[in-house]
Every structure is written in C-alpha cells, then in structure tokens.
Amino acid sequence: MTEIQNTKTYDLEDRTLTFAKNVYGYVRDLPKDTANIETGKQLVRSAGSIGANYREANEALGKKDFLMRIRISRKEAKETIFWLELSEPLKEKEKLKAELLDEANQLMKICGAILEKSQV
C-alpha cells in the first residue's frame, strides 16, 4: 500500500476504519527490526481503538458513557500520533507516515470538537 485510501468521507465510523486499515498496511511495510516490531504492535492497537471506541460511543447507554468513549477515542488518536512519530519507515514510506500523522491529528481534533459540543 503506497497511498492512503480516500478518507474524504463524513461517516466517522467508515473514516476511522479506513484509517486503521491504512495504518495496518503501513505497519506491514515497516523494516522488521526490534524497535519497529514493538512500535508496530502498539500502533496497530491504538489506531484500531480509535474506531472501536467511536463505534461504542454511538451505542452508548447514556451521555456519560458517550462522552467517556469519545474521550478514549481522542486519547487513542494522541497515542497513535506518538507511535507514528516513533516509527522508522523506509524512505519511500515517509510521505505515507506524514499522511497518517495528519489523519490522526484530524481524528483527534474531531473527537475534541465532539466533546466540546456535547458538554454544552
């Protein structure tokens, strides 16, 4: 996978799923050294957790449950940014890394905006 799949969608469930799949492809292409293997494991977990918790928020039992799940999604997006920054891709994958970092930042900001609007 050399480019990010289209993420210009307004359905956040689909967008977070696409993001997780793109991260999985990125991790598969990381050089197989000890640091990248461990970083990749954490990266896969945190990237997938963004969407999983967002879906859980959509099925929340109440407002407190919803807000907690959105907070977790935002936290996982921040964690994903950390692991992406720590990863060391091949030179030809640096552009993909930058695109993934941008998408993770956007997802983090979207979750933050949802929290702000929901707490009014």
N, C-alpha and C. Protein backbone atom coordinates (compact mmCIF):
# COMPACT_ATOMS: atom_id res chain seq x y z
N MET A 1 0.85 -1.16 0.00
CA MET A 1 0.00 0.00 0.00
C MET A 1 0.90 1.23 0.00
N THR A 2 0.82 2.03 -1.04
CA THR A 2 1.70 3.17 -1.14
C THR A 2 1.01 4.49 -0.86
N GLU A 3 -0.29 4.54 -0.98
CA GLU A 3 -1.00 5.77 -0.69
C GLU A 3 -2.15 5.48 0.24
N ILE A 4 -2.53 6.51 0.97
CA ILE A 4 -3.70 6.40 1.85
C ILE A 4 -4.93 6.25 0.98
N GLN A 5 -5.83 5.40 1.42
CA GLN A 5 -7.11 5.29 0.73
C GLN A 5 -7.88 6.58 0.97
N ASN A 6 -8.87 6.84 0.14
CA ASN A 6 -9.67 8.05 0.28
C ASN A 6 -10.29 8.14 1.66
N THR A 7 -9.97 9.22 2.38
CA THR A 7 -10.55 9.42 3.71
C THR A 7 -11.47 10.63 3.72
N LYS A 8 -11.82 11.15 2.57
CA LYS A 8 -12.71 12.31 2.49
C LYS A 8 -14.15 11.85 2.58
N THR A 9 -14.51 11.36 3.74
CA THR A 9 -15.88 10.92 3.97
C THR A 9 -16.40 11.54 5.24
N TYR A 10 -17.69 11.67 5.34
CA TYR A 10 -18.27 12.30 6.51
C TYR A 10 -18.76 11.29 7.52
N ASP A 11 -18.71 10.01 7.19
CA ASP A 11 -19.10 8.97 8.13
C ASP A 11 -17.87 8.61 8.94
N LEU A 12 -17.86 9.01 10.20
CA LEU A 12 -16.67 8.83 11.04
C LEU A 12 -16.39 7.35 11.32
N GLU A 13 -17.41 6.52 11.34
CA GLU A 13 -17.17 5.08 11.52
C GLU A 13 -16.37 4.55 10.34
N ASP A 14 -16.75 4.90 9.13
CA ASP A 14 -16.00 4.47 7.94
C ASP A 14 -14.61 5.09 7.91
N ARG A 15 -14.53 6.35 8.27
CA ARG A 15 -13.25 7.05 8.23
C ARG A 15 -12.25 6.43 9.21
N THR A 16 -12.70 6.10 10.41
CA THR A 16 -11.79 5.50 11.38
C THR A 16 -11.40 4.08 10.98
N LEU A 17 -12.31 3.36 10.34
CA LEU A 17 -11.99 2.02 9.83
C LEU A 17 -10.94 2.11 8.72
N THR A 18 -11.14 3.03 7.81
CA THR A 18 -10.17 3.23 6.72
C THR A 18 -8.81 3.62 7.28
N PHE A 19 -8.81 4.49 8.29
CA PHE A 19 -7.56 4.89 8.91
C PHE A 19 -6.84 3.69 9.52
N ALA A 20 -7.56 2.87 10.26
CA ALA A 20 -6.95 1.68 10.88
C ALA A 20 -6.37 0.76 9.80
N LYS A 21 -7.09 0.55 8.71
CA LYS A 21 -6.59 -0.30 7.63
C LYS A 21 -5.33 0.29 7.00
N ASN A 22 -5.31 1.61 6.84
CA ASN A 22 -4.12 2.26 6.28
C ASN A 22 -2.92 2.11 7.22
N VAL A 23 -3.17 2.22 8.51
CA VAL A 23 -2.09 2.03 9.49
C VAL A 23 -1.59 0.59 9.44
N TYR A 24 -2.50 -0.37 9.32
CA TYR A 24 -2.09 -1.78 9.24
C TYR A 24 -1.17 -1.99 8.04
N GLY A 25 -1.52 -1.40 6.90
CA GLY A 25 -0.67 -1.52 5.72
C GLY A 25 0.70 -0.87 5.93
N TYR A 26 0.70 0.27 6.57
CA TYR A 26 1.94 0.97 6.88
C TYR A 26 2.83 0.11 7.78
N VAL A 27 2.24 -0.49 8.81
CA VAL A 27 3.00 -1.32 9.75
C VAL A 27 3.56 -2.55 9.03
N ARG A 28 2.79 -3.15 8.13
CA ARG A 28 3.29 -4.32 7.38
C ARG A 28 4.56 -3.99 6.59
N ASP A 29 4.67 -2.73 6.15
CA ASP A 29 5.81 -2.32 5.33
C ASP A 29 6.99 -1.75 6.13
N LEU A 30 6.85 -1.68 7.46
CA LEU A 30 7.98 -1.19 8.26
C LEU A 30 9.13 -2.19 8.21
N PRO A 31 10.36 -1.70 8.24
CA PRO A 31 11.50 -2.61 8.34
C PRO A 31 11.36 -3.48 9.59
N LYS A 32 11.71 -4.74 9.47
CA LYS A 32 11.49 -5.69 10.57
C LYS A 32 12.68 -5.71 11.52
N ASP A 33 12.81 -4.63 12.31
CA ASP A 33 13.80 -4.62 13.39
C ASP A 33 13.04 -4.59 14.72
N THR A 34 13.75 -4.82 15.79
CA THR A 34 13.10 -4.94 17.11
C THR A 34 12.26 -3.71 17.45
N ALA A 35 12.80 -2.54 17.23
CA ALA A 35 12.09 -1.31 17.58
C ALA A 35 10.79 -1.18 16.78
N ASN A 36 10.87 -1.37 15.48
CA ASN A 36 9.67 -1.23 14.64
C ASN A 36 8.64 -2.33 14.93
N ILE A 37 9.09 -3.51 15.27
CA ILE A 37 8.14 -4.58 15.57
C ILE A 37 7.32 -4.20 16.80
N GLU A 38 7.99 -3.75 17.85
CA GLU A 38 7.28 -3.36 19.08
C GLU A 38 6.44 -2.11 18.86
N THR A 39 6.99 -1.14 18.16
CA THR A 39 6.25 0.09 17.86
C THR A 39 5.02 -0.24 17.00
N GLY A 40 5.21 -1.12 16.03
CA GLY A 40 4.11 -1.51 15.14
C GLY A 40 2.96 -2.15 15.89
N LYS A 41 3.28 -3.00 16.86
CA LYS A 41 2.23 -3.64 17.67
C LYS A 41 1.39 -2.59 18.39
N GLN A 42 2.06 -1.65 19.02
CA GLN A 42 1.35 -0.59 19.74
C GLN A 42 0.55 0.29 18.78
N LEU A 43 1.13 0.57 17.63
CA LEU A 43 0.49 1.41 16.63
C LEU A 43 -0.80 0.77 16.11
N VAL A 44 -0.75 -0.52 15.84
CA VAL A 44 -1.93 -1.24 15.36
C VAL A 44 -3.04 -1.19 16.42
N ARG A 45 -2.66 -1.41 17.67
CA ARG A 45 -3.66 -1.40 18.76
C ARG A 45 -4.32 -0.03 18.90
N SER A 46 -3.51 1.01 18.97
CA SER A 46 -4.08 2.34 19.22
C SER A 46 -4.90 2.84 18.02
N ALA A 47 -4.43 2.58 16.81
CA ALA A 47 -5.16 3.03 15.62
C ALA A 47 -6.52 2.33 15.51
N GLY A 48 -6.56 1.05 15.80
CA GLY A 48 -7.83 0.32 15.76
C GLY A 48 -8.77 0.75 16.87
N SER A 49 -8.21 1.12 17.99
CA SER A 49 -9.02 1.51 19.14
C SER A 49 -9.76 2.83 18.93
N ILE A 50 -9.25 3.69 18.08
CA ILE A 50 -9.95 4.95 17.79
C ILE A 50 -11.35 4.65 17.27
N GLY A 51 -11.41 3.83 16.23
CA GLY A 51 -12.70 3.49 15.63
C GLY A 51 -13.56 2.60 16.50
N ALA A 52 -12.94 1.66 17.18
CA ALA A 52 -13.71 0.75 18.04
C ALA A 52 -14.42 1.54 19.14
N ASN A 53 -13.73 2.47 19.75
CA ASN A 53 -14.35 3.27 20.81
C ASN A 53 -15.37 4.27 20.26
N TYR A 54 -15.12 4.76 19.06
CA TYR A 54 -16.12 5.65 18.44
C TYR A 54 -17.41 4.88 18.17
N ARG A 55 -17.29 3.67 17.68
CA ARG A 55 -18.49 2.84 17.46
C ARG A 55 -19.20 2.55 18.77
N GLU A 56 -18.44 2.28 19.81
CA GLU A 56 -19.04 2.07 21.14
C GLU A 56 -19.77 3.32 21.60
N ALA A 57 -19.21 4.48 21.32
CA ALA A 57 -19.86 5.74 21.70
C ALA A 57 -21.22 5.87 21.02
N ASN A 58 -21.30 5.43 19.78
CA ASN A 58 -22.56 5.52 19.04
C ASN A 58 -23.63 4.58 19.60
N GLU A 59 -23.23 3.63 20.41
CA GLU A 59 -24.17 2.70 21.05
C GLU A 59 -24.20 2.92 22.56
N ALA A 60 -23.81 4.11 22.98
CA ALA A 60 -23.68 4.42 24.40
C ALA A 60 -25.00 4.26 25.15
N LEU A 61 -24.86 3.93 26.42
CA LEU A 61 -26.02 3.74 27.29
C LEU A 61 -26.56 5.07 27.83
N GLY A 62 -25.79 6.10 27.69
CA GLY A 62 -26.19 7.42 28.17
C GLY A 62 -25.13 8.43 27.80
N LYS A 63 -25.38 9.69 28.19
CA LYS A 63 -24.46 10.77 27.83
C LYS A 63 -23.08 10.58 28.46
N LYS A 64 -23.02 10.16 29.72
CA LYS A 64 -21.72 9.95 30.37
C LYS A 64 -20.91 8.86 29.66
N ASP A 65 -21.58 7.79 29.28
CA ASP A 65 -20.93 6.69 28.56
C ASP A 65 -20.43 7.19 27.20
N PHE A 66 -21.26 7.95 26.50
CA PHE A 66 -20.88 8.52 25.21
C PHE A 66 -19.63 9.38 25.35
N LEU A 67 -19.65 10.30 26.32
CA LEU A 67 -18.52 11.21 26.50
C LEU A 67 -17.23 10.45 26.84
N MET A 68 -17.35 9.42 27.67
CA MET A 68 -16.18 8.63 28.04
C MET A 68 -15.58 7.94 26.81
N ARG A 69 -16.43 7.37 25.98
CA ARG A 69 -15.93 6.67 24.77
C ARG A 69 -15.27 7.65 23.80
N ILE A 70 -15.83 8.83 23.67
CA ILE A 70 -15.22 9.84 22.79
C ILE A 70 -13.88 10.29 23.37
N ARG A 71 -13.81 10.45 24.69
CA ARG A 71 -12.52 10.79 25.32
C ARG A 71 -11.48 9.70 25.05
N ILE A 72 -11.91 8.45 25.14
CA ILE A 72 -10.98 7.35 24.87
C ILE A 72 -10.53 7.39 23.42
N SER A 73 -11.44 7.65 22.48
CA SER A 73 -11.06 7.75 21.07
C SER A 73 -10.03 8.85 20.86
N ARG A 74 -10.26 10.00 21.51
CA ARG A 74 -9.30 11.11 21.39
C ARG A 74 -7.95 10.71 21.99
N LYS A 75 -7.97 10.05 23.14
CA LYS A 75 -6.74 9.59 23.78
C LYS A 75 -5.99 8.60 22.88
N GLU A 76 -6.72 7.70 22.25
CA GLU A 76 -6.09 6.72 21.36
C GLU A 76 -5.52 7.40 20.11
N ALA A 77 -6.16 8.44 19.63
CA ALA A 77 -5.62 9.19 18.49
C ALA A 77 -4.29 9.84 18.88
N LYS A 78 -4.24 10.41 20.10
CA LYS A 78 -2.98 11.00 20.59
C LYS A 78 -1.90 9.94 20.70
N GLU A 79 -2.27 8.77 21.21
CA GLU A 79 -1.30 7.69 21.33
C GLU A 79 -0.82 7.23 19.96
N THR A 80 -1.73 7.16 19.00
CA THR A 80 -1.36 6.76 17.64
C THR A 80 -0.34 7.73 17.06
N ILE A 81 -0.54 9.02 17.31
CA ILE A 81 0.42 10.03 16.84
C ILE A 81 1.80 9.75 17.42
N PHE A 82 1.85 9.44 18.70
CA PHE A 82 3.13 9.13 19.36
C PHE A 82 3.82 7.95 18.67
N TRP A 83 3.09 6.85 18.47
CA TRP A 83 3.70 5.65 17.87
C TRP A 83 4.09 5.89 16.42
N LEU A 84 3.31 6.68 15.70
CA LEU A 84 3.69 7.02 14.32
C LEU A 84 4.99 7.82 14.32
N GLU A 85 5.09 8.79 15.21
CA GLU A 85 6.31 9.59 15.29
C GLU A 85 7.52 8.74 15.64
N LEU A 86 7.32 7.72 16.44
CA LEU A 86 8.40 6.85 16.87
C LEU A 86 8.81 5.84 15.78
N SER A 87 7.90 5.52 14.89
CA SER A 87 8.20 4.52 13.86
C SER A 87 9.24 5.03 12.88
N GLU A 88 9.97 4.08 12.29
CA GLU A 88 11.05 4.42 11.36
C GLU A 88 10.83 3.67 10.04
N PRO A 89 10.02 4.28 9.15
CA PRO A 89 9.73 3.61 7.88
C PRO A 89 10.88 3.72 6.89
N LEU A 90 10.78 2.96 5.83
CA LEU A 90 11.71 3.13 4.71
C LEU A 90 11.50 4.53 4.14
N LYS A 91 12.53 5.05 3.51
CA LYS A 91 12.48 6.42 2.98
C LYS A 91 11.25 6.64 2.08
N GLU A 92 10.91 5.65 1.28
CA GLU A 92 9.79 5.81 0.34
C GLU A 92 8.42 5.78 1.04
N LYS A 93 8.39 5.49 2.33
CA LYS A 93 7.13 5.47 3.09
C LYS A 93 6.97 6.71 3.99
N GLU A 94 7.91 7.65 3.90
CA GLU A 94 7.84 8.86 4.73
C GLU A 94 6.60 9.69 4.40
N LYS A 95 6.23 9.75 3.13
CA LYS A 95 5.03 10.50 2.73
C LYS A 95 3.78 9.88 3.35
N LEU A 96 3.70 8.56 3.33
CA LEU A 96 2.56 7.87 3.93
C LEU A 96 2.52 8.14 5.43
N LYS A 97 3.67 8.11 6.07
CA LYS A 97 3.74 8.41 7.51
C LYS A 97 3.18 9.80 7.78
N ALA A 98 3.56 10.78 6.97
CA ALA A 98 3.08 12.15 7.14
C ALA A 98 1.56 12.22 6.95
N GLU A 99 1.04 11.49 5.97
CA GLU A 99 -0.40 11.47 5.73
C GLU A 99 -1.15 10.84 6.90
N LEU A 100 -0.58 9.77 7.44
CA LEU A 100 -1.20 9.11 8.60
C LEU A 100 -1.17 10.01 9.82
N LEU A 101 -0.07 10.71 10.03
CA LEU A 101 0.01 11.65 11.14
C LEU A 101 -1.04 12.76 11.00
N ASP A 102 -1.22 13.25 9.78
CA ASP A 102 -2.22 14.28 9.54
C ASP A 102 -3.62 13.76 9.85
N GLU A 103 -3.93 12.55 9.39
CA GLU A 103 -5.25 11.98 9.63
C GLU A 103 -5.47 11.73 11.12
N ALA A 104 -4.46 11.23 11.83
CA ALA A 104 -4.58 11.01 13.27
C ALA A 104 -4.84 12.33 13.99
N ASN A 105 -4.16 13.39 13.57
CA ASN A 105 -4.39 14.71 14.16
C ASN A 105 -5.81 15.20 13.89
N GLN A 106 -6.29 14.97 12.67
CA GLN A 106 -7.66 15.37 12.35
C GLN A 106 -8.67 14.60 13.19
N LEU A 107 -8.46 13.29 13.34
CA LEU A 107 -9.37 12.49 14.15
C LEU A 107 -9.36 12.95 15.61
N MET A 108 -8.19 13.28 16.12
CA MET A 108 -8.08 13.78 17.49
C MET A 108 -8.87 15.09 17.64
N LYS A 109 -8.74 15.97 16.66
CA LYS A 109 -9.45 17.25 16.72
C LYS A 109 -10.96 17.06 16.57
N ILE A 110 -11.37 16.13 15.73
CA ILE A 110 -12.80 15.85 15.58
C ILE A 110 -13.38 15.35 16.90
N CYS A 111 -12.68 14.44 17.54
CA CYS A 111 -13.15 13.93 18.84
C CYS A 111 -13.20 15.06 19.86
N GLY A 112 -12.23 15.94 19.84
CA GLY A 112 -12.23 17.08 20.74
C GLY A 112 -13.42 18.00 20.48
N ALA A 113 -13.74 18.23 19.22
CA ALA A 113 -14.89 19.06 18.86
C ALA A 113 -16.20 18.41 19.31
N ILE A 114 -16.29 17.09 19.13
CA ILE A 114 -17.49 16.38 19.58
C ILE A 114 -17.65 16.55 21.09
N LEU A 115 -16.56 16.42 21.81
CA LEU A 115 -16.60 16.59 23.28
C LEU A 115 -17.06 17.99 23.66
N GLU A 116 -16.51 19.00 23.00
CA GLU A 116 -16.88 20.38 23.31
C GLU A 116 -18.36 20.62 23.06
N LYS A 117 -18.86 20.17 21.93
CA LYS A 117 -20.26 20.41 21.58
C LYS A 117 -21.21 19.58 22.44
N SER A 118 -20.76 18.43 22.90
CA SER A 118 -21.61 17.54 23.70
C SER A 118 -21.71 17.96 25.14
N GLN A 119 -20.77 18.75 25.60
CA GLN A 119 -20.75 19.13 27.02
C GLN A 119 -21.47 20.45 27.27
N VAL A 120 -22.06 21.02 26.26
CA VAL A 120 -22.78 22.30 26.39
C VAL A 120 -24.07 22.10 27.12
